């Protein structure tokens, strides 16, 4: 575990960097469809850090009981990273 409480993962990025032309694999599984972006930070004294921008649908905060929709691919990625989905109130998306 790192000083931030995260687990080490194997991340592999390949391709052109263009939409549809890049593969992002986390622990051997392609997660590119669940991302809107990725930032790789590297320093001389720190371990490389990847910040994954995960696809989530927008929601309104002005609603008393908002409906939160997490796309299927994003949900799978979040669970792989250690997220435990809530039992009540959470909706699964259509895979987009």
Protein backbone atom coordinates (compact mmCIF):
# COMPACT_ATOMS: atom_id res chain seq x y z
CA UNK A 1 0.00 0.00 0.00
CA UNK A 2 1.26 3.49 -0.79
CA UNK A 3 1.24 6.49 1.51
CA UNK A 4 -2.14 7.43 0.01
CA UNK A 5 -3.78 4.12 0.92
CA UNK A 6 -4.05 2.90 -2.67
CA UNK A 7 -3.07 -0.48 -4.03
CA UNK A 8 -0.44 -1.07 -6.70
CA UNK A 9 -1.95 -2.03 -10.04
CA UNK A 10 -0.48 -2.97 -13.42
CA UNK A 11 -1.40 -0.26 -15.97
CA UNK A 12 -0.56 -0.60 -19.67
CA UNK A 13 -1.34 2.13 -22.22
CA UNK A 14 -0.84 1.56 -25.94
CA UNK A 15 -2.04 2.97 -29.23
CA UNK A 16 -2.26 6.31 -30.99
CA UNK A 17 -3.78 8.37 -28.20
CA UNK A 18 -6.70 9.20 -30.47
CA UNK A 19 -10.31 8.31 -29.65
CA UNK A 20 -10.85 4.64 -30.41
CA UNK A 21 -7.15 4.13 -31.09
CA UNK A 22 -5.89 3.64 -27.55
CA UNK A 23 -6.02 0.66 -25.23
CA UNK A 24 -5.81 1.18 -21.48
CA UNK A 25 -5.40 -2.05 -19.55
CA UNK A 26 -5.63 -2.26 -15.78
CA UNK A 27 -4.42 -5.59 -14.42
CA UNK A 28 -4.79 -7.03 -17.95
CA UNK A 29 -8.38 -5.84 -18.51
CA UNK A 30 -9.18 -3.15 -21.10
CA UNK A 31 -10.85 -0.22 -19.29
CA UNK A 32 -10.62 2.43 -22.05
CA UNK A 33 -14.40 2.48 -22.62
CA UNK A 34 -14.97 3.39 -18.96
CA UNK A 35 -12.70 6.47 -19.13
CA UNK A 36 -13.08 10.04 -20.36
CA UNK A 37 -9.41 10.74 -19.76
CA UNK A 38 -6.21 9.73 -18.09
CA UNK A 39 -3.37 11.78 -16.61
CA UNK A 40 0.00 10.19 -15.91
CA UNK A 41 2.18 11.94 -13.32
CA UNK A 42 5.83 11.03 -12.98
CA UNK A 43 8.49 12.54 -10.77
CA UNK A 44 12.09 11.77 -9.92
CA UNK A 45 11.31 10.85 -6.30
CA UNK A 46 7.78 9.46 -6.52
CA UNK A 47 6.18 6.40 -8.01
CA UNK A 48 4.30 7.12 -11.28
CA UNK A 49 0.66 7.94 -10.61
CA UNK A 50 -2.21 7.52 -13.06
CA UNK A 51 -5.35 9.59 -12.49
CA UNK A 52 -8.30 7.93 -14.22
CA UNK A 53 -11.27 10.07 -15.24
CA UNK A 54 -14.17 7.62 -15.03
CA UNK A 55 -17.36 8.02 -17.08
CA UNK A 56 -20.30 8.98 -14.85
CA UNK A 57 -23.62 10.50 -15.86
CA UNK A 58 -24.43 13.99 -14.62
CA UNK A 59 -26.95 14.39 -11.84
CA UNK A 60 -28.79 17.31 -10.36
CA UNK A 61 -28.05 18.24 -6.77
CA UNK A 62 -31.31 20.20 -6.48
CA UNK A 63 -33.37 17.01 -6.33
CA UNK A 64 -34.41 15.69 -2.92
CA UNK A 65 -33.58 12.10 -3.90
CA UNK A 66 -31.35 12.21 -6.99
CA UNK A 67 -31.07 9.18 -9.26
CA UNK A 68 -27.42 8.38 -9.89
CA UNK A 69 -26.62 6.30 -12.96
CA UNK A 70 -23.22 4.66 -13.26
CA UNK A 71 -22.55 3.17 -16.72
CA UNK A 72 -21.96 -0.59 -16.64
CA UNK A 73 -18.32 -0.36 -17.81
CA UNK A 74 -17.54 2.38 -15.29
CA UNK A 75 -19.23 0.39 -12.53
CA UNK A 76 -17.10 -2.65 -13.36
CA UNK A 77 -13.94 -0.53 -13.26
CA UNK A 78 -14.88 1.08 -9.94
CA UNK A 79 -15.60 -2.34 -8.41
CA UNK A 80 -12.24 -3.60 -9.73
CA UNK A 81 -10.58 -0.65 -7.96
CA UNK A 82 -12.27 -1.57 -4.68
CA UNK A 83 -15.56 0.38 -4.70
CA UNK A 84 -18.51 -1.30 -3.05
CA UNK A 85 -21.74 -0.19 -4.75
CA UNK A 86 -24.55 0.94 -2.47
CA UNK A 87 -27.34 -1.57 -1.91
CA UNK A 88 -30.17 0.98 -2.27
CA UNK A 89 -30.67 3.88 -4.62
CA UNK A 90 -27.96 3.12 -7.15
CA UNK A 91 -28.86 2.52 -10.77
CA UNK A 92 -26.78 0.61 -13.30
CA UNK A 93 -26.43 2.11 -16.76
CA UNK A 94 -26.83 0.60 -20.18
CA UNK A 95 -23.13 -0.04 -20.81
CA UNK A 96 -22.35 3.26 -22.49
